C-alpha cells in the first residue's frame, strides 16, 4: 500500500494536526484538543494496518489484533507503548478524568513518533 492511499493520506494529515497542537503552549483547551487528535490518529493507525494487512491476505478487526499483525508484518517494532496507546485511547474516549487527561497528554509526543514510524512503513 502506498502512502498515497486515501486512508494513509488521512493518517498523515492527522499526525500533522496532532504535532501542530502539541507545539502549542498547554492549556486545558489545547490538552483536550491534542487528546482528541490522538484518538483520531489512533483510529487511523489501526485502520491503516487493517487495510495493509488485507492486501497481504490477513484479516484483523480490532486495534489490538491489528497492532499484533503489524508487528508480525514488521511494520512496527514490539513496543509496550502500542499497548499503552490502546488503553489510553479507550479511557480517553469513554471515561473523562482530568488527572488521567494530563497523564495521557504527557505521552502524546511518544505516540506521535510511533504513528510517524508506522506511516513510513505503510
PDB file of N, CA and C in Angstrom:
ATOM      1  N   UNK A   1       0.853  -1.169   0.000  1.00  0.00           N
ATOM      2  CA  UNK A   1       0.000   0.000   0.000  1.00  0.00           C
ATOM      3  C   UNK A   1       0.897   1.229   0.000  1.00  0.00           C
ATOM      4  N   UNK A   2       0.664   2.139  -0.889  1.00  0.00           N
ATOM      5  CA  UNK A   2       1.489   3.337  -0.936  1.00  0.00           C
ATOM      6  C   UNK A   2       0.952   4.390   0.023  1.00  0.00           C
ATOM      7  N   UNK A   3       1.821   5.313   0.381  1.00  0.00           N
ATOM      8  CA  UNK A   3       1.410   6.391   1.265  1.00  0.00           C
ATOM      9  C   UNK A   3       0.344   7.277   0.626  1.00  0.00           C
ATOM     10  N   UNK A   4       0.068   7.091  -0.661  1.00  0.00           N
ATOM     11  CA  UNK A   4      -0.909   7.925  -1.345  1.00  0.00           C
ATOM     12  C   UNK A   4      -2.324   7.375  -1.252  1.00  0.00           C
ATOM     13  N   UNK A   5      -2.523   6.250  -0.584  1.00  0.00           N
ATOM     14  CA  UNK A   5      -3.877   5.735  -0.428  1.00  0.00           C
ATOM     15  C   UNK A   5      -4.670   6.723   0.427  1.00  0.00           C
ATOM     16  N   UNK A   6      -5.986   6.787   0.217  1.00  0.00           N
ATOM     17  CA  UNK A   6      -6.796   7.756   0.974  1.00  0.00           C
ATOM     18  C   UNK A   6      -6.656   7.619   2.492  1.00  0.00           C
ATOM     19  N   UNK A   7      -6.626   6.393   3.000  1.00  0.00           N
ATOM     20  CA  UNK A   7      -6.521   6.238   4.452  1.00  0.00           C
ATOM     21  C   UNK A   7      -5.155   6.704   4.945  1.00  0.00           C
ATOM     22  N   UNK A   8      -4.092   6.438   4.176  1.00  0.00           N
ATOM     23  CA  UNK A   8      -2.769   6.887   4.589  1.00  0.00           C
ATOM     24  C   UNK A   8      -2.628   8.398   4.475  1.00  0.00           C
ATOM     25  N   UNK A   9      -3.290   8.999   3.503  1.00  0.00           N
ATOM     26  CA  UNK A   9      -3.292  10.458   3.402  1.00  0.00           C
ATOM     27  C   UNK A   9      -3.992  11.064   4.616  1.00  0.00           C
ATOM     28  N   UNK A  10      -5.115  10.479   4.998  1.00  0.00           N
ATOM     29  CA  UNK A  10      -5.840  10.964   6.179  1.00  0.00           C
ATOM     30  C   UNK A  10      -4.997  10.772   7.438  1.00  0.00           C
ATOM     31  N   UNK A  11      -4.312   9.626   7.522  1.00  0.00           N
ATOM     32  CA  UNK A  11      -3.451   9.332   8.671  1.00  0.00           C
ATOM     33  C   UNK A  11      -2.316  10.356   8.747  1.00  0.00           C
ATOM     34  N   UNK A  12      -1.686  10.635   7.614  1.00  0.00           N
ATOM     35  CA  UNK A  12      -0.601  11.612   7.565  1.00  0.00           C
ATOM     36  C   UNK A  12      -1.083  12.996   8.011  1.00  0.00           C
ATOM     37  N   UNK A  13      -2.226  13.403   7.527  1.00  0.00           N
ATOM     38  CA  UNK A  13      -2.783  14.709   7.897  1.00  0.00           C
ATOM     39  C   UNK A  13      -3.109  14.748   9.388  1.00  0.00           C
ATOM     40  N   UNK A  14      -3.655  13.665   9.904  1.00  0.00           N
ATOM     41  CA  UNK A  14      -3.997  13.603  11.327  1.00  0.00           C
ATOM     42  C   UNK A  14      -2.744  13.714  12.195  1.00  0.00           C
ATOM     43  N   UNK A  15      -1.661  13.060  11.776  1.00  0.00           N
ATOM     44  CA  UNK A  15      -0.397  13.157  12.521  1.00  0.00           C
ATOM     45  C   UNK A  15       0.094  14.600  12.521  1.00  0.00           C
ATOM     46  N   UNK A  16       0.040  15.244  11.368  1.00  0.00           N
ATOM     47  CA  UNK A  16       0.465  16.647  11.275  1.00  0.00           C
ATOM     48  C   UNK A  16      -0.369  17.531  12.193  1.00  0.00           C
ATOM     49  N   UNK A  17      -1.657  17.268  12.257  1.00  0.00           N
ATOM     50  CA  UNK A  17      -2.541  18.068  13.118  1.00  0.00           C
ATOM     51  C   UNK A  17      -2.255  17.802  14.588  1.00  0.00           C
ATOM     52  N   UNK A  18      -1.906  16.562  14.932  1.00  0.00           N
ATOM     53  CA  UNK A  18      -1.528  16.265  16.314  1.00  0.00           C
ATOM     54  C   UNK A  18      -0.243  17.008  16.666  1.00  0.00           C
ATOM     55  N   UNK A  19       0.740  16.941  15.790  1.00  0.00           N
ATOM     56  CA  UNK A  19       2.002  17.637  16.048  1.00  0.00           C
ATOM     57  C   UNK A  19       1.794  19.149  16.152  1.00  0.00           C
ATOM     58  N   UNK A  20       0.894  19.667  15.334  1.00  0.00           N
ATOM     59  CA  UNK A  20       0.582  21.097  15.358  1.00  0.00           C
ATOM     60  C   UNK A  20       0.086  21.532  16.739  1.00  0.00           C
ATOM     61  N   UNK A  21      -0.841  20.778  17.295  1.00  0.00           N
ATOM     62  CA  UNK A  21      -1.395  21.157  18.599  1.00  0.00           C
ATOM     63  C   UNK A  21      -0.395  20.896  19.721  1.00  0.00           C
ATOM     64  N   UNK A  22       0.446  19.894  19.574  1.00  0.00           N
ATOM     65  CA  UNK A  22       1.453  19.618  20.603  1.00  0.00           C
ATOM     66  C   UNK A  22       2.534  20.696  20.654  1.00  0.00           C
ATOM     67  N   UNK A  23       2.690  21.468  19.590  1.00  0.00           N
ATOM     68  CA  UNK A  23       3.681  22.540  19.561  1.00  0.00           C
ATOM     69  C   UNK A  23       3.205  23.791  20.302  1.00  0.00           C
ATOM     70  N   UNK A  24       1.932  23.836  20.640  1.00  0.00           N
ATOM     71  CA  UNK A  24       1.365  25.000  21.328  1.00  0.00           C
ATOM     72  C   UNK A  24       1.555  24.885  22.833  1.00  0.00           C
ATOM     73  N   UNK A  25       1.531  26.029  23.497  1.00  0.00           N
ATOM     74  CA  UNK A  25       1.594  26.029  24.955  1.00  0.00           C
ATOM     75  C   UNK A  25       0.350  25.357  25.521  1.00  0.00           C
ATOM     76  N   UNK A  26       0.552  24.545  26.538  1.00  0.00           N
ATOM     77  CA  UNK A  26      -0.538  23.751  27.096  1.00  0.00           C
ATOM     78  C   UNK A  26      -1.536  24.604  27.885  1.00  0.00           C
ATOM     79  N   UNK A  27      -2.782  24.450  27.521  1.00  0.00           N
ATOM     80  CA  UNK A  27      -3.917  24.945  28.283  1.00  0.00           C
ATOM     81  C   UNK A  27      -4.894  23.779  28.341  1.00  0.00           C
ATOM     82  N   UNK A  28      -5.971  23.909  29.062  1.00  0.00           N
ATOM     83  CA  UNK A  28      -6.958  22.818  29.076  1.00  0.00           C
ATOM     84  C   UNK A  28      -7.531  22.584  27.690  1.00  0.00           C
ATOM     85  N   UNK A  29      -7.775  23.663  26.957  1.00  0.00           N
ATOM     86  CA  UNK A  29      -8.337  23.528  25.603  1.00  0.00           C
ATOM     87  C   UNK A  29      -7.331  22.842  24.677  1.00  0.00           C
ATOM     88  N   UNK A  30      -6.063  23.235  24.767  1.00  0.00           N
ATOM     89  CA  UNK A  30      -5.015  22.612  23.940  1.00  0.00           C
ATOM     90  C   UNK A  30      -4.881  21.143  24.309  1.00  0.00           C
ATOM     91  N   UNK A  31      -4.863  20.838  25.612  1.00  0.00           N
ATOM     92  CA  UNK A  31      -4.741  19.445  26.065  1.00  0.00           C
ATOM     93  C   UNK A  31      -5.887  18.604  25.508  1.00  0.00           C
ATOM     94  N   UNK A  32      -7.104  19.111  25.654  1.00  0.00           N
ATOM     95  CA  UNK A  32      -8.268  18.351  25.199  1.00  0.00           C
ATOM     96  C   UNK A  32      -8.263  18.181  23.679  1.00  0.00           C
ATOM     97  N   UNK A  33      -7.854  19.208  22.964  1.00  0.00           N
ATOM     98  CA  UNK A  33      -7.751  19.123  21.512  1.00  0.00           C
ATOM     99  C   UNK A  33      -6.692  18.099  21.107  1.00  0.00           C
ATOM    100  N   UNK A  34      -5.562  18.119  21.799  1.00  0.00           N
ATOM    101  CA  UNK A  34      -4.489  17.167  21.494  1.00  0.00           C
ATOM    102  C   UNK A  34      -4.952  15.732  21.733  1.00  0.00           C
ATOM    103  N   UNK A  35      -5.684  15.517  22.815  1.00  0.00           N
ATOM    104  CA  UNK A  35      -6.172  14.164  23.104  1.00  0.00           C
ATOM    105  C   UNK A  35      -7.153  13.721  22.023  1.00  0.00           C
ATOM    106  N   UNK A  36      -8.024  14.605  21.585  1.00  0.00           N
ATOM    107  CA  UNK A  36      -8.964  14.254  20.519  1.00  0.00           C
ATOM    108  C   UNK A  36      -8.204  13.926  19.231  1.00  0.00           C
ATOM    109  N   UNK A  37      -7.188  14.706  18.932  1.00  0.00           N
ATOM    110  CA  UNK A  37      -6.392  14.447  17.722  1.00  0.00           C
ATOM    111  C   UNK A  37      -5.621  13.134  17.851  1.00  0.00           C
ATOM    112  N   UNK A  38      -5.183  12.798  19.057  1.00  0.00           N
ATOM    113  CA  UNK A  38      -4.557  11.495  19.295  1.00  0.00           C
ATOM    114  C   UNK A  38      -5.554  10.378  18.994  1.00  0.00           C
ATOM    115  N   UNK A  39      -6.795  10.524  19.472  1.00  0.00           N
ATOM    116  CA  UNK A  39      -7.813   9.491  19.231  1.00  0.00           C
ATOM    117  C   UNK A  39      -8.021   9.275  17.733  1.00  0.00           C
ATOM    118  N   UNK A  40      -8.029  10.367  16.969  1.00  0.00           N
ATOM    119  CA  UNK A  40      -8.198  10.261  15.517  1.00  0.00           C
ATOM    120  C   UNK A  40      -6.996   9.537  14.903  1.00  0.00           C
ATOM    121  N   UNK A  41      -5.793   9.922  15.319  1.00  0.00           N
ATOM    122  CA  UNK A  41      -4.581   9.251  14.818  1.00  0.00           C
ATOM    123  C   UNK A  41      -4.601   7.770  15.145  1.00  0.00           C
ATOM    124  N   UNK A  42      -4.965   7.454  16.369  1.00  0.00           N
ATOM    125  CA  UNK A  42      -5.014   6.066  16.804  1.00  0.00           C
ATOM    126  C   UNK A  42      -5.953   5.263  15.909  1.00  0.00           C
ATOM    127  N   UNK A  43      -7.161   5.792  15.692  1.00  0.00           N
ATOM    128  CA  UNK A  43      -8.130   5.081  14.861  1.00  0.00           C
ATOM    129  C   UNK A  43      -7.632   4.905  13.432  1.00  0.00           C
ATOM    130  N   UNK A  44      -7.002   5.941  12.890  1.00  0.00           N
ATOM    131  CA  UNK A  44      -6.466   5.821  11.532  1.00  0.00           C
ATOM    132  C   UNK A  44      -5.258   4.890  11.477  1.00  0.00           C
ATOM    133  N   UNK A  45      -4.497   4.815  12.559  1.00  0.00           N
ATOM    134  CA  UNK A  45      -3.348   3.903  12.598  1.00  0.00           C
ATOM    135  C   UNK A  45      -3.810   2.460  12.458  1.00  0.00           C
ATOM    136  N   UNK A  46      -4.734   2.046  13.306  1.00  0.00           N
ATOM    137  CA  UNK A  46      -5.119   0.636  13.236  1.00  0.00           C
ATOM    138  C   UNK A  46      -5.909   0.332  11.971  1.00  0.00           C
ATOM    139  N   UNK A  47      -6.672   1.304  11.465  1.00  0.00           N
ATOM    140  CA  UNK A  47      -7.414   1.074  10.223  1.00  0.00           C
ATOM    141  C   UNK A  47      -6.481   1.031   9.015  1.00  0.00           C
ATOM    142  N   UNK A  48      -5.375   1.779   9.069  1.00  0.00           N
ATOM    143  CA  UNK A  48      -4.363   1.696   8.006  1.00  0.00           C
ATOM    144  C   UNK A  48      -3.702   0.322   8.012  1.00  0.00           C
ATOM    145  N   UNK A  49      -3.405  -0.162   9.218  1.00  0.00           N
ATOM    146  CA  UNK A  49      -2.842  -1.514   9.348  1.00  0.00           C
ATOM    147  C   UNK A  49      -3.823  -2.537   8.803  1.00  0.00           C
ATOM    148  N   UNK A  50      -5.089  -2.381   9.146  1.00  0.00           N
ATOM    149  CA  UNK A  50      -6.125  -3.309   8.681  1.00  0.00           C
ATOM    150  C   UNK A  50      -6.157  -3.358   7.151  1.00  0.00           C
ATOM    151  N   UNK A  51      -6.095  -2.194   6.506  1.00  0.00           N
ATOM    152  CA  UNK A  51      -6.112  -2.139   5.038  1.00  0.00           C
ATOM    153  C   UNK A  51      -4.850  -2.769   4.455  1.00  0.00           C
ATOM    154  N   UNK A  52      -3.705  -2.489   5.053  1.00  0.00           N
ATOM    155  CA  UNK A  52      -2.439  -3.068   4.595  1.00  0.00           C
ATOM    156  C   UNK A  52      -2.481  -4.591   4.737  1.00  0.00           C
ATOM    157  N   UNK A  53      -2.918  -5.054   5.893  1.00  0.00           N
ATOM    158  CA  UNK A  53      -2.969  -6.498   6.154  1.00  0.00           C
ATOM    159  C   UNK A  53      -3.919  -7.196   5.185  1.00  0.00           C
ATOM    160  N   UNK A  54      -5.026  -6.569   4.899  1.00  0.00           N
ATOM    161  CA  UNK A  54      -5.994  -7.162   3.965  1.00  0.00           C
ATOM    162  C   UNK A  54      -5.344  -7.381   2.600  1.00  0.00           C
ATOM    163  N   UNK A  55      -4.537  -6.422   2.148  1.00  0.00           N
ATOM    164  CA  UNK A  55      -3.829  -6.587   0.864  1.00  0.00           C
ATOM    165  C   UNK A  55      -2.830  -7.731   0.931  1.00  0.00           C
ATOM    166  N   UNK A  56      -2.368  -8.057   2.142  1.00  0.00           N
ATOM    167  CA  UNK A  56      -1.447  -9.175   2.346  1.00  0.00           C
ATOM    168  C   UNK A  56      -2.205 -10.483   2.595  1.00  0.00           C
ATOM    169  N   UNK A  57      -3.540 -10.440   2.543  1.00  0.00           N
ATOM    170  CA  UNK A  57      -4.347 -11.641   2.752  1.00  0.00           C
ATOM    171  C   UNK A  57      -4.593 -11.974   4.220  1.00  0.00           C
ATOM    172  N   UNK A  58      -4.425 -10.992   5.086  1.00  0.00           N
ATOM    173  CA  UNK A  58      -4.602 -11.201   6.524  1.00  0.00           C
ATOM    174  C   UNK A  58      -5.732 -10.307   7.022  1.00  0.00           C
ATOM    175  N   UNK A  59      -6.598 -10.870   7.828  1.00  0.00           N
ATOM    176  CA  UNK A  59      -7.688 -10.095   8.414  1.00  0.00           C
ATOM    177  C   UNK A  59      -7.372  -9.763   9.867  1.00  0.00           C
ATOM    178  N   UNK A  60      -7.591  -8.519  10.236  1.00  0.00           N
ATOM    179  CA  UNK A  60      -7.529  -8.095  11.635  1.00  0.00           C
ATOM    180  C   UNK A  60      -8.653  -7.082  11.834  1.00  0.00           C
ATOM    181  N   UNK A  61      -9.390  -7.235  12.902  1.00  0.00           N
ATOM    182  CA  UNK A  61     -10.609  -6.444  13.048  1.00  0.00           C
ATOM    183  C   UNK A  61     -10.714  -5.656  14.342  1.00  0.00           C
ATOM    184  N   UNK A  62      -9.628  -5.531  15.068  1.00  0.00           N
ATOM    185  CA  UNK A  62      -9.639  -4.726  16.288  1.00  0.00           C
ATOM    186  C   UNK A  62      -8.273  -4.054  16.401  1.00  0.00           C
ATOM    187  N   UNK A  63      -8.189  -2.980  17.162  1.00  0.00           N
ATOM    188  CA  UNK A  63      -6.878  -2.342  17.324  1.00  0.00           C
ATOM    189  C   UNK A  63      -5.808  -3.306  17.835  1.00  0.00           C
ATOM    190  N   UNK A  64      -6.109  -4.047  18.870  1.00  0.00           N
ATOM    191  CA  UNK A  64      -5.115  -4.957  19.445  1.00  0.00           C
ATOM    192  C   UNK A  64      -4.666  -5.990  18.408  1.00  0.00           C
ATOM    193  N   UNK A  65      -5.610  -6.575  17.695  1.00  0.00           N
ATOM    194  CA  UNK A  65      -5.279  -7.581  16.685  1.00  0.00           C
ATOM    195  C   UNK A  65      -4.473  -6.948  15.542  1.00  0.00           C
ATOM    196  N   UNK A  66      -4.831  -5.741  15.159  1.00  0.00           N
ATOM    197  CA  UNK A  66      -4.109  -5.083  14.066  1.00  0.00           C
ATOM    198  C   UNK A  66      -2.685  -4.718  14.476  1.00  0.00           C
ATOM    199  N   UNK A  67      -2.480  -4.275  15.713  1.00  0.00           N
ATOM    200  CA  UNK A  67      -1.114  -3.972  16.149  1.00  0.00           C
ATOM    201  C   UNK A  67      -0.278  -5.246  16.233  1.00  0.00           C
ATOM    202  N   UNK A  68      -0.875  -6.353  16.663  1.00  0.00           N
ATOM    203  CA  UNK A  68      -0.150  -7.632  16.664  1.00  0.00           C
ATOM    204  C   UNK A  68       0.210  -8.032  15.235  1.00  0.00           C
ATOM    205  N   UNK A  69      -0.724  -7.824  14.323  1.00  0.00           N
ATOM    206  CA  UNK A  69      -0.481  -8.132  12.912  1.00  0.00           C
ATOM    207  C   UNK A  69       0.621  -7.247  12.354  1.00  0.00           C
ATOM    208  N   UNK A  70       0.599  -5.959  12.702  1.00  0.00           N
ATOM    209  CA  UNK A  70       1.631  -5.032  12.226  1.00  0.00           C
ATOM    210  C   UNK A  70       3.009  -5.466  12.704  1.00  0.00           C
ATOM    211  N   UNK A  71       3.083  -5.967  13.929  1.00  0.00           N
ATOM    212  CA  UNK A  71       4.356  -6.469  14.450  1.00  0.00           C
ATOM    213  C   UNK A  71       4.815  -7.681  13.625  1.00  0.00           C
ATOM    214  N   UNK A  72       3.890  -8.592  13.354  1.00  0.00           N
ATOM    215  CA  UNK A  72       4.241  -9.782  12.570  1.00  0.00           C
ATOM    216  C   UNK A  72       4.668  -9.429  11.149  1.00  0.00           C
ATOM    217  N   UNK A  73       4.096  -8.347  10.606  1.00  0.00           N
ATOM    218  CA  UNK A  73       4.434  -7.908   9.253  1.00  0.00           C
ATOM    219  C   UNK A  73       5.630  -6.955   9.225  1.00  0.00           C
ATOM    220  N   UNK A  74       6.269  -6.770  10.375  1.00  0.00           N
ATOM    221  CA  UNK A  74       7.425  -5.868  10.506  1.00  0.00           C
ATOM    222  C   UNK A  74       7.100  -4.420  10.164  1.00  0.00           C
ATOM    223  N   UNK A  75       5.868  -4.014  10.388  1.00  0.00           N
ATOM    224  CA  UNK A  75       5.501  -2.611  10.196  1.00  0.00           C
ATOM    225  C   UNK A  75       5.848  -1.791  11.432  1.00  0.00           C
ATOM    226  N   UNK A  76       5.816  -2.452  12.593  1.00  0.00           N
ATOM    227  CA  UNK A  76       6.164  -1.794  13.852  1.00  0.00           C
ATOM    228  C   UNK A  76       7.066  -2.732  14.644  1.00  0.00           C
ATOM    229  N   UNK A  77       7.836  -2.142  15.531  1.00  0.00           N
ATOM    230  CA  UNK A  77       8.639  -2.919  16.460  1.00  0.00           C
ATOM    231  C   UNK A  77       7.775  -3.275  17.659  1.00  0.00           C
ATOM    232  N   UNK A  78       8.156  -4.345  18.347  1.00  0.00           N
ATOM    233  CA  UNK A  78       7.452  -4.648  19.594  1.00  0.00           C
ATOM    234  C   UNK A  78       7.766  -3.518  20.562  1.00  0.00           C
ATOM    235  N   UNK A  79       6.733  -2.860  21.040  1.00  0.00           N
ATOM    236  CA  UNK A  79       6.905  -1.713  21.920  1.00  0.00           C
ATOM    237  C   UNK A  79       5.680  -1.638  22.826  1.00  0.00           C
ATOM    238  N   UNK A  80       5.905  -1.660  24.114  1.00  0.00           N
ATOM    239  CA  UNK A  80       4.811  -1.600  25.088  1.00  0.00           C
ATOM    240  C   UNK A  80       3.955  -0.350  24.919  1.00  0.00           C
ATOM    241  N   UNK A  81       4.526   0.698  24.318  1.00  0.00           N
ATOM    242  CA  UNK A  81       3.755   1.935  24.135  1.00  0.00           C
ATOM    243  C   UNK A  81       2.561   1.727  23.206  1.00  0.00           C
ATOM    244  N   UNK A  82       2.654   0.770  22.278  1.00  0.00           N
ATOM    245  CA  UNK A  82       1.485   0.491  21.439  1.00  0.00           C
ATOM    246  C   UNK A  82       0.336  -0.032  22.306  1.00  0.00           C
ATOM    247  N   UNK A  83       0.661  -0.926  23.233  1.00  0.00           N
ATOM    248  CA  UNK A  83      -0.371  -1.455  24.129  1.00  0.00           C
ATOM    249  C   UNK A  83      -0.918  -0.357  25.033  1.00  0.00           C
ATOM    250  N   UNK A  84      -0.044   0.505  25.516  1.00  0.00           N
ATOM    251  CA  UNK A  84      -0.470   1.614  26.360  1.00  0.00           C
ATOM    252  C   UNK A  84      -1.362   2.565  25.572  1.00  0.00           C
ATOM    253  N   UNK A  85      -1.068   2.744  24.289  1.00  0.00           N
ATOM    254  CA  UNK A  85      -1.898   3.634  23.469  1.00  0.00           C
ATOM    255  C   UNK A  85      -3.328   3.104  23.342  1.00  0.00           C
ATOM    256  N   UNK A  86      -3.477   1.786  23.294  1.00  0.00           N
ATOM    257  CA  UNK A  86      -4.821   1.192  23.248  1.00  0.00           C
ATOM    258  C   UNK A  86      -5.565   1.548  24.526  1.00  0.00           C
ATOM    259  N   UNK A  87      -4.915   1.352  25.648  1.00  0.00           N
ATOM    260  CA  UNK A  87      -5.527   1.672  26.938  1.00  0.00           C
ATOM    261  C   UNK A  87      -5.867   3.165  27.024  1.00  0.00           C
ATOM    262  N   UNK A  88      -4.913   4.013  26.633  1.00  0.00           N
ATOM    263  CA  UNK A  88      -5.145   5.458  26.697  1.00  0.00           C
ATOM    264  C   UNK A  88      -6.288   5.878  25.786  1.00  0.00           C
ATOM    265  N   UNK A  89      -6.348   5.322  24.610  1.00  0.00           N
ATOM    266  CA  UNK A  89      -7.428   5.669  23.680  1.00  0.00           C
ATOM    267  C   UNK A  89      -8.773   5.248  24.252  1.00  0.00           C
ATOM    268  N   UNK A  90      -8.869   4.052  24.802  1.00  0.00           N
ATOM    269  CA  UNK A  90     -10.138   3.582  25.352  1.00  0.00           C
ATOM    270  C   UNK A  90     -10.584   4.424  26.539  1.00  0.00           C
ATOM    271  N   UNK A  91      -9.667   4.737  27.419  1.00  0.00           N
ATOM    272  CA  UNK A  91     -10.026   5.525  28.598  1.00  0.00           C
ATOM    273  C   UNK A  91     -10.340   6.965  28.217  1.00  0.00           C
ATOM    274  N   UNK A  92      -9.544   7.552  27.337  1.00  0.00           N
ATOM    275  CA  UNK A  92      -9.769   8.959  26.993  1.00  0.00           C
ATOM    276  C   UNK A  92     -11.086   9.165  26.257  1.00  0.00           C
ATOM    277  N   UNK A  93     -11.507   8.187  25.485  1.00  0.00           N
ATOM    278  CA  UNK A  93     -12.738   8.371  24.718  1.00  0.00           C
ATOM    279  C   UNK A  93     -13.995   7.910  25.452  1.00  0.00           C
ATOM    280  N   UNK A  94     -13.838   7.127  26.520  1.00  0.00           N
ATOM    281  CA  UNK A  94     -15.012   6.598  27.206  1.00  0.00           C
ATOM    282  C   UNK A  94     -15.180   7.080  28.638  1.00  0.00           C
ATOM    283  N   UNK A  95     -14.109   7.520  29.261  1.00  0.00           N
ATOM    284  CA  UNK A  95     -14.182   7.916  30.667  1.00  0.00           C
ATOM    285  C   UNK A  95     -13.293   9.130  30.860  1.00  0.00           C
ATOM    286  N   UNK A  96     -13.899  10.306  30.900  1.00  0.00           N
ATOM    287  CA  UNK A  96     -13.086  11.510  31.008  1.00  0.00           C
ATOM    288  C   UNK A  96     -12.744  11.779  32.469  1.00  0.00           C
ATOM    289  N   UNK A  97     -11.451  12.009  32.720  1.00  0.00           N
ATOM    290  CA  UNK A  97     -10.953  12.269  34.054  1.00  0.00           C
ATOM    291  C   UNK A  97      -9.791  13.255  33.900  1.00  0.00           C
ATOM    292  N   UNK A  98      -9.848  14.394  34.594  1.00  0.00           N
ATOM    293  CA  UNK A  98      -8.821  15.437  34.473  1.00  0.00           C
ATOM    294  C   UNK A  98      -7.411  14.905  34.715  1.00  0.00           C
ATOM    295  N   UNK A  99      -7.234  14.176  35.794  1.00  0.00           N
ATOM    296  CA  UNK A  99      -5.904  13.660  36.143  1.00  0.00           C
ATOM    297  C   UNK A  99      -5.393  12.734  35.046  1.00  0.00           C
ATOM    298  N   UNK A 100      -6.261  11.854  34.566  1.00  0.00           N
ATOM    299  CA  UNK A 100      -5.848  10.931  33.521  1.00  0.00           C
ATOM    300  C   UNK A 100      -5.580  11.673  32.223  1.00  0.00           C
ATOM    301  N   UNK A 101      -6.355  12.714  31.943  1.00  0.00           N
ATOM    302  CA  UNK A 101      -6.139  13.507  30.724  1.00  0.00           C
ATOM    303  C   UNK A 101      -4.736  14.104  30.719  1.00  0.00           C
ATOM    304  N   UNK A 102      -4.280  14.595  31.865  1.00  0.00           N
ATOM    305  CA  UNK A 102      -2.927  15.144  31.945  1.00  0.00           C
ATOM    306  C   UNK A 102      -1.869  14.063  31.718  1.00  0.00           C
ATOM    307  N   UNK A 103      -2.106  12.878  32.240  1.00  0.00           N
ATOM    308  CA  UNK A 103      -1.159  11.775  32.055  1.00  0.00           C
ATOM    309  C   UNK A 103      -1.084  11.369  30.584  1.00  0.00           C
ATOM    310  N   UNK A 104      -2.239  11.271  29.924  1.00  0.00           N
ATOM    311  CA  UNK A 104      -2.276  10.920  28.502  1.00  0.00           C
ATOM    312  C   UNK A 104      -1.565  11.999  27.689  1.00  0.00           C
ATOM    313  N   UNK A 105      -1.857  13.243  28.000  1.00  0.00           N
ATOM    314  CA  UNK A 105      -1.247  14.358  27.267  1.00  0.00           C
ATOM    315  C   UNK A 105       0.275  14.266  27.290  1.00  0.00           C
ATOM    316  N   UNK A 106       0.843  13.902  28.411  1.00  0.00           N
ATOM    317  CA  UNK A 106       2.295  13.796  28.535  1.00  0.00           C
ATOM    318  C   UNK A 106       2.873  12.713  27.622  1.00  0.00           C
ATOM    319  N   UNK A 107       2.078  11.690  27.295  1.00  0.00           N
ATOM    320  CA  UNK A 107       2.555  10.595  26.440  1.00  0.00           C
ATOM    321  C   UNK A 107       2.344  10.874  24.943  1.00  0.00           C
ATOM    322  N   UNK A 108       1.613  11.911  24.606  1.00  0.00           N
ATOM    323  CA  UNK A 108       1.265  12.147  23.203  1.00  0.00           C
ATOM    324  C   UNK A 108       2.470  12.340  22.279  1.00  0.00           C
ATOM    325  N   UNK A 109       3.544  13.024  22.696  1.00  0.00           N
ATOM    326  CA  UNK A 109       4.692  13.109  21.777  1.00  0.00           C
ATOM    327  C   UNK A 109       5.276  11.732  21.428  1.00  0.00           C
ATOM    328  N   UNK A 110       5.283  10.806  22.384  1.00  0.00           N
ATOM    329  CA  UNK A 110       5.768   9.449  22.110  1.00  0.00           C
ATOM    330  C   UNK A 110       4.846   8.752  21.122  1.00  0.00           C
ATOM    331  N   UNK A 111       3.542   8.907  21.309  1.00  0.00           N
ATOM    332  CA  UNK A 111       2.594   8.272  20.399  1.00  0.00           C
ATOM    333  C   UNK A 111       2.713   8.860  18.994  1.00  0.00           C
ATOM    334  N   UNK A 112       2.913  10.165  18.916  1.00  0.00           N
ATOM    335  CA  UNK A 112       3.083  10.806  17.614  1.00  0.00           C
ATOM    336  C   UNK A 112       4.279  10.193  16.879  1.00  0.00           C
ATOM    337  N   UNK A 113       5.370   9.976  17.599  1.00  0.00           N
ATOM    338  CA  UNK A 113       6.560   9.348  16.991  1.00  0.00           C
ATOM    339  C   UNK A 113       6.246   7.934  16.509  1.00  0.00           C
ATOM    340  N   UNK A 114       5.475   7.172  17.303  1.00  0.00           N
ATOM    341  CA  UNK A 114       5.088   5.822  16.887  1.00  0.00           C
ATOM    342  C   UNK A 114       4.249   5.874  15.610  1.00  0.00           C
ATOM    343  N   UNK A 115       3.298   6.805  15.571  1.00  0.00           N
ATOM    344  CA  UNK A 115       2.432   6.923  14.397  1.00  0.00           C
ATOM    345  C   UNK A 115       3.257   7.280  13.154  1.00  0.00           C
ATOM    346  N   UNK A 116       4.204   8.198  13.282  1.00  0.00           N
ATOM    347  CA  UNK A 116       5.037   8.586  12.146  1.00  0.00           C
ATOM    348  C   UNK A 116       5.877   7.416  11.655  1.00  0.00           C
ATOM    349  N   UNK A 117       6.393   6.637  12.579  1.00  0.00           N
ATOM    350  CA  UNK A 117       7.182   5.466  12.209  1.00  0.00           C
ATOM    351  C   UNK A 117       6.330   4.444  11.451  1.00  0.00           C
ATOM    352  N   UNK A 118       5.134   4.209  11.941  1.00  0.00           N
ATOM    353  CA  UNK A 118       4.214   3.294  11.264  1.00  0.00           C
ATOM    354  C   UNK A 118       3.900   3.792   9.861  1.00  0.00           C
ATOM    355  N   UNK A 119       3.553   5.059   9.749  1.00  0.00           N
ATOM    356  CA  UNK A 119       3.195   5.623   8.445  1.00  0.00           C
ATOM    357  C   UNK A 119       4.328   5.452   7.441  1.00  0.00           C
ATOM    358  N   UNK A 120       5.560   5.617   7.888  1.00  0.00           N
ATOM    359  CA  UNK A 120       6.700   5.491   6.964  1.00  0.00           C
ATOM    360  C   UNK A 120       6.855   4.066   6.441  1.00  0.00           C
ATOM    361  N   UNK A 121       6.308   3.089   7.157  1.00  0.00           N
ATOM    362  CA  UNK A 121       6.412   1.680   6.732  1.00  0.00           C
ATOM    363  C   UNK A 121       5.235   1.223   5.875  1.00  0.00           C
ATOM    364  N   UNK A 122       4.183   1.991   5.863  1.00  0.00           N
ATOM    365  CA  UNK A 122       2.983   1.561   5.116  1.00  0.00           C
ATOM    366  C   UNK A 122       3.129   1.832   3.628  1.00  0.00           C
TER     367      UNK A 122
END
